[in-house]
């Protein structure tokens, strides 16, 4: 399996913007992506209360990337322990399918691998140890 990168993905209960402004002040740099649920497609059905919450933000920290979002009404209630995920980028959709299946063995797939509205092939699971994983294949040029 060819994993190109992995990153830490943090989930917040409405204060992601504040947290990432703090991290940017500490580490420096600029956000690569900063979007709210209101920036997403209307047909995704995000609740009105979620529109100003952060859907995705990413900030380079050294050789890695720190990513985050606010919890939305689509996700499970936020609790210490489920407020982070490890995000793994793979080279192909086939590798993404295999990796998600392997990580989810004995655990739970929380979002099957699928092409998302932002163009990535993406899925999520919780492994048998309670660790949350995100698997992504950027499909540029496919």
C-alpha atoms as a PDB file:
ATOM      1  CA  UNK A   1       0.000   0.000   0.000  1.00  0.00           C
ATOM      2  CA  UNK A   2       1.368   3.393  -0.944  1.00  0.00           C
ATOM      3  CA  UNK A   3       0.462   6.057   1.626  1.00  0.00           C
ATOM      4  CA  UNK A   4       1.604   9.470   0.451  1.00  0.00           C
ATOM      5  CA  UNK A   5       0.854  11.479   3.603  1.00  0.00           C
ATOM      6  CA  UNK A   6      -1.023  11.393   6.835  1.00  0.00           C
ATOM      7  CA  UNK A   7      -2.275  14.290   8.932  1.00  0.00           C
ATOM      8  CA  UNK A   8      -4.036  14.942  12.193  1.00  0.00           C
ATOM      9  CA  UNK A   9      -7.638  16.093  11.844  1.00  0.00           C
ATOM     10  CA  UNK A  10      -9.172  17.855  14.851  1.00  0.00           C
ATOM     11  CA  UNK A  11     -12.906  18.276  15.461  1.00  0.00           C
ATOM     12  CA  UNK A  12     -14.324  21.112  17.537  1.00  0.00           C
ATOM     13  CA  UNK A  13     -17.678  21.962  19.068  1.00  0.00           C
ATOM     14  CA  UNK A  14     -18.153  25.322  17.337  1.00  0.00           C
ATOM     15  CA  UNK A  15     -14.812  26.958  18.122  1.00  0.00           C
ATOM     16  CA  UNK A  16     -12.656  25.612  15.267  1.00  0.00           C
ATOM     17  CA  UNK A  17     -12.162  29.101  13.800  1.00  0.00           C
ATOM     18  CA  UNK A  18     -10.864  30.410  17.147  1.00  0.00           C
ATOM     19  CA  UNK A  19      -8.610  27.382  17.640  1.00  0.00           C
ATOM     20  CA  UNK A  20      -7.063  27.603  14.172  1.00  0.00           C
ATOM     21  CA  UNK A  21      -6.503  31.360  14.465  1.00  0.00           C
ATOM     22  CA  UNK A  22      -4.602  30.507  17.663  1.00  0.00           C
ATOM     23  CA  UNK A  23      -2.593  27.729  15.934  1.00  0.00           C
ATOM     24  CA  UNK A  24      -1.786  30.067  13.035  1.00  0.00           C
ATOM     25  CA  UNK A  25      -0.520  32.678  15.523  1.00  0.00           C
ATOM     26  CA  UNK A  26       1.627  30.034  17.227  1.00  0.00           C
ATOM     27  CA  UNK A  27       3.014  28.265  14.122  1.00  0.00           C
ATOM     28  CA  UNK A  28       2.753  31.037  11.498  1.00  0.00           C
ATOM     29  CA  UNK A  29       1.763  30.540   7.892  1.00  0.00           C
ATOM     30  CA  UNK A  30      -1.497  30.820   6.034  1.00  0.00           C
ATOM     31  CA  UNK A  31      -4.514  28.576   5.730  1.00  0.00           C
ATOM     32  CA  UNK A  32      -4.464  26.398   2.601  1.00  0.00           C
ATOM     33  CA  UNK A  33      -8.218  25.928   2.799  1.00  0.00           C
ATOM     34  CA  UNK A  34     -10.803  27.615   4.992  1.00  0.00           C
ATOM     35  CA  UNK A  35     -14.448  26.862   4.272  1.00  0.00           C
ATOM     36  CA  UNK A  36     -17.706  26.852   6.213  1.00  0.00           C
ATOM     37  CA  UNK A  37     -20.667  24.502   5.921  1.00  0.00           C
ATOM     38  CA  UNK A  38     -22.466  27.443   4.285  1.00  0.00           C
ATOM     39  CA  UNK A  39     -19.892  27.276   1.458  1.00  0.00           C
ATOM     40  CA  UNK A  40     -20.953  23.704   0.650  1.00  0.00           C
ATOM     41  CA  UNK A  41     -23.627  22.687  -1.846  1.00  0.00           C
ATOM     42  CA  UNK A  42     -27.202  23.450  -0.761  1.00  0.00           C
ATOM     43  CA  UNK A  43     -28.283  19.866  -1.481  1.00  0.00           C
ATOM     44  CA  UNK A  44     -25.975  18.501   1.259  1.00  0.00           C
ATOM     45  CA  UNK A  45     -28.654  19.473   3.776  1.00  0.00           C
ATOM     46  CA  UNK A  46     -26.499  21.230   6.363  1.00  0.00           C
ATOM     47  CA  UNK A  47     -28.586  22.733   9.171  1.00  0.00           C
ATOM     48  CA  UNK A  48     -28.967  26.499   9.252  1.00  0.00           C
ATOM     49  CA  UNK A  49     -27.243  26.507  12.671  1.00  0.00           C
ATOM     50  CA  UNK A  50     -24.160  24.922  11.026  1.00  0.00           C
ATOM     51  CA  UNK A  51     -23.770  27.391   8.124  1.00  0.00           C
ATOM     52  CA  UNK A  52     -21.125  29.567   9.841  1.00  0.00           C
ATOM     53  CA  UNK A  53     -19.268  26.656  11.408  1.00  0.00           C
ATOM     54  CA  UNK A  54     -15.970  25.553   9.853  1.00  0.00           C
ATOM     55  CA  UNK A  55     -16.378  22.640   7.440  1.00  0.00           C
ATOM     56  CA  UNK A  56     -12.649  22.347   6.687  1.00  0.00           C
ATOM     57  CA  UNK A  57      -9.446  24.218   7.446  1.00  0.00           C
ATOM     58  CA  UNK A  58      -5.848  23.220   6.844  1.00  0.00           C
ATOM     59  CA  UNK A  59      -2.610  24.792   8.071  1.00  0.00           C
ATOM     60  CA  UNK A  60       0.961  23.652   7.376  1.00  0.00           C
ATOM     61  CA  UNK A  61       2.932  22.935  10.526  1.00  0.00           C
ATOM     62  CA  UNK A  62       6.511  21.990   9.722  1.00  0.00           C
ATOM     63  CA  UNK A  63       6.461  19.108   7.238  1.00  0.00           C
ATOM     64  CA  UNK A  64       2.875  18.167   8.166  1.00  0.00           C
ATOM     65  CA  UNK A  65      -0.592  19.589   7.869  1.00  0.00           C
ATOM     66  CA  UNK A  66      -2.970  20.249  10.746  1.00  0.00           C
ATOM     67  CA  UNK A  67      -6.591  20.041   9.625  1.00  0.00           C
ATOM     68  CA  UNK A  68      -9.868  20.614  11.386  1.00  0.00           C
ATOM     69  CA  UNK A  69     -13.580  21.292  11.364  1.00  0.00           C
ATOM     70  CA  UNK A  70     -16.487  21.962  13.653  1.00  0.00           C
ATOM     71  CA  UNK A  71     -18.838  19.127  14.430  1.00  0.00           C
ATOM     72  CA  UNK A  72     -22.068  19.423  12.461  1.00  0.00           C
ATOM     73  CA  UNK A  73     -25.561  18.099  13.041  1.00  0.00           C
ATOM     74  CA  UNK A  74     -24.597  15.299  10.571  1.00  0.00           C
ATOM     75  CA  UNK A  75     -22.012  13.829  12.934  1.00  0.00           C
ATOM     76  CA  UNK A  76     -22.173  12.078  16.275  1.00  0.00           C
ATOM     77  CA  UNK A  77     -22.123  14.215  19.416  1.00  0.00           C
ATOM     78  CA  UNK A  78     -18.604  15.464  20.093  1.00  0.00           C
ATOM     79  CA  UNK A  79     -16.785  14.020  23.101  1.00  0.00           C
ATOM     80  CA  UNK A  80     -13.197  13.927  24.261  1.00  0.00           C
ATOM     81  CA  UNK A  81     -11.760  10.891  22.500  1.00  0.00           C
ATOM     82  CA  UNK A  82     -13.733  11.246  19.276  1.00  0.00           C
ATOM     83  CA  UNK A  83     -12.557  14.795  18.595  1.00  0.00           C
ATOM     84  CA  UNK A  84      -9.680  13.807  16.342  1.00  0.00           C
ATOM     85  CA  UNK A  85      -9.012  11.569  13.353  1.00  0.00           C
ATOM     86  CA  UNK A  86      -5.948  10.501  11.465  1.00  0.00           C
ATOM     87  CA  UNK A  87      -6.262  11.358   7.786  1.00  0.00           C
ATOM     88  CA  UNK A  88      -4.355   9.200   5.297  1.00  0.00           C
ATOM     89  CA  UNK A  89      -3.838  10.095   1.635  1.00  0.00           C
ATOM     90  CA  UNK A  90      -3.406   7.241  -0.830  1.00  0.00           C
ATOM     91  CA  UNK A  91      -2.332   7.073  -4.471  1.00  0.00           C
ATOM     92  CA  UNK A  92      -5.459   5.447  -5.950  1.00  0.00           C
ATOM     93  CA  UNK A  93      -9.131   4.757  -5.318  1.00  0.00           C
ATOM     94  CA  UNK A  94      -8.360   1.022  -5.205  1.00  0.00           C
ATOM     95  CA  UNK A  95      -5.839   1.617  -2.414  1.00  0.00           C
ATOM     96  CA  UNK A  96      -8.407   3.772  -0.631  1.00  0.00           C
ATOM     97  CA  UNK A  97     -10.982   0.980  -0.728  1.00  0.00           C
ATOM     98  CA  UNK A  98      -8.456  -1.558   0.559  1.00  0.00           C
ATOM     99  CA  UNK A  99      -7.134   0.695   3.321  1.00  0.00           C
ATOM    100  CA  UNK A 100     -10.579   1.652   4.628  1.00  0.00           C
ATOM    101  CA  UNK A 101     -11.623  -2.018   4.660  1.00  0.00           C
ATOM    102  CA  UNK A 102      -8.451  -3.024   6.501  1.00  0.00           C
ATOM    103  CA  UNK A 103      -8.732  -0.241   9.095  1.00  0.00           C
ATOM    104  CA  UNK A 104     -12.446  -0.944   9.652  1.00  0.00           C
ATOM    105  CA  UNK A 105     -11.940  -4.697  10.254  1.00  0.00           C
ATOM    106  CA  UNK A 106     -13.523  -5.279  13.645  1.00  0.00           C
ATOM    107  CA  UNK A 107     -14.596  -1.642  13.776  1.00  0.00           C
ATOM    108  CA  UNK A 108     -17.195   0.478  11.992  1.00  0.00           C
ATOM    109  CA  UNK A 109     -17.293   2.233   8.617  1.00  0.00           C
ATOM    110  CA  UNK A 110     -18.831   5.627   9.362  1.00  0.00           C
ATOM    111  CA  UNK A 111     -18.742   6.851   5.745  1.00  0.00           C
ATOM    112  CA  UNK A 112     -18.113   4.436   2.875  1.00  0.00           C
ATOM    113  CA  UNK A 113     -15.567   5.446   0.239  1.00  0.00           C
ATOM    114  CA  UNK A 114     -17.287   7.706  -2.289  1.00  0.00           C
ATOM    115  CA  UNK A 115     -16.603  10.638  -4.564  1.00  0.00           C
ATOM    116  CA  UNK A 116     -17.397  13.795  -2.617  1.00  0.00           C
ATOM    117  CA  UNK A 117     -18.707  17.166  -3.750  1.00  0.00           C
ATOM    118  CA  UNK A 118     -15.167  18.566  -3.383  1.00  0.00           C
ATOM    119  CA  UNK A 119     -13.863  15.992  -5.855  1.00  0.00           C
ATOM    120  CA  UNK A 120     -11.938  13.616  -3.602  1.00  0.00           C
ATOM    121  CA  UNK A 121     -12.610   9.907  -3.146  1.00  0.00           C
ATOM    122  CA  UNK A 122     -13.120   9.807   0.612  1.00  0.00           C
ATOM    123  CA  UNK A 123     -14.311   7.599   3.461  1.00  0.00           C
ATOM    124  CA  UNK A 124     -14.162   7.325   7.241  1.00  0.00           C
ATOM    125  CA  UNK A 125     -14.133   4.598   9.859  1.00  0.00           C
ATOM    126  CA  UNK A 126     -13.543   3.924  13.517  1.00  0.00           C
ATOM    127  CA  UNK A 127     -11.143   1.041  14.058  1.00  0.00           C
ATOM    128  CA  UNK A 128     -11.555  -1.702  16.633  1.00  0.00           C
ATOM    129  CA  UNK A 129      -9.501   0.354  19.094  1.00  0.00           C
ATOM    130  CA  UNK A 130     -11.822   3.391  18.852  1.00  0.00           C
ATOM    131  CA  UNK A 131      -9.486   5.489  16.674  1.00  0.00           C
ATOM    132  CA  UNK A 132     -11.155   7.531  13.919  1.00  0.00           C
ATOM    133  CA  UNK A 133      -9.614   7.392  10.427  1.00  0.00           C
ATOM    134  CA  UNK A 134     -10.186   9.372   7.221  1.00  0.00           C
ATOM    135  CA  UNK A 135      -8.961   7.913   3.921  1.00  0.00           C
ATOM    136  CA  UNK A 136      -8.636  10.230   0.924  1.00  0.00           C
ATOM    137  CA  UNK A 137      -7.561   9.943  -2.665  1.00  0.00           C
ATOM    138  CA  UNK A 138      -7.356  13.241  -4.537  1.00  0.00           C
ATOM    139  CA  UNK A 139      -8.707  12.401  -7.992  1.00  0.00           C
ATOM    140  CA  UNK A 140      -7.096  15.193  -9.988  1.00  0.00           C
ATOM    141  CA  UNK A 141      -6.739  14.146 -13.592  1.00  0.00           C
ATOM    142  CA  UNK A 142      -8.751  10.926 -13.298  1.00  0.00           C
END
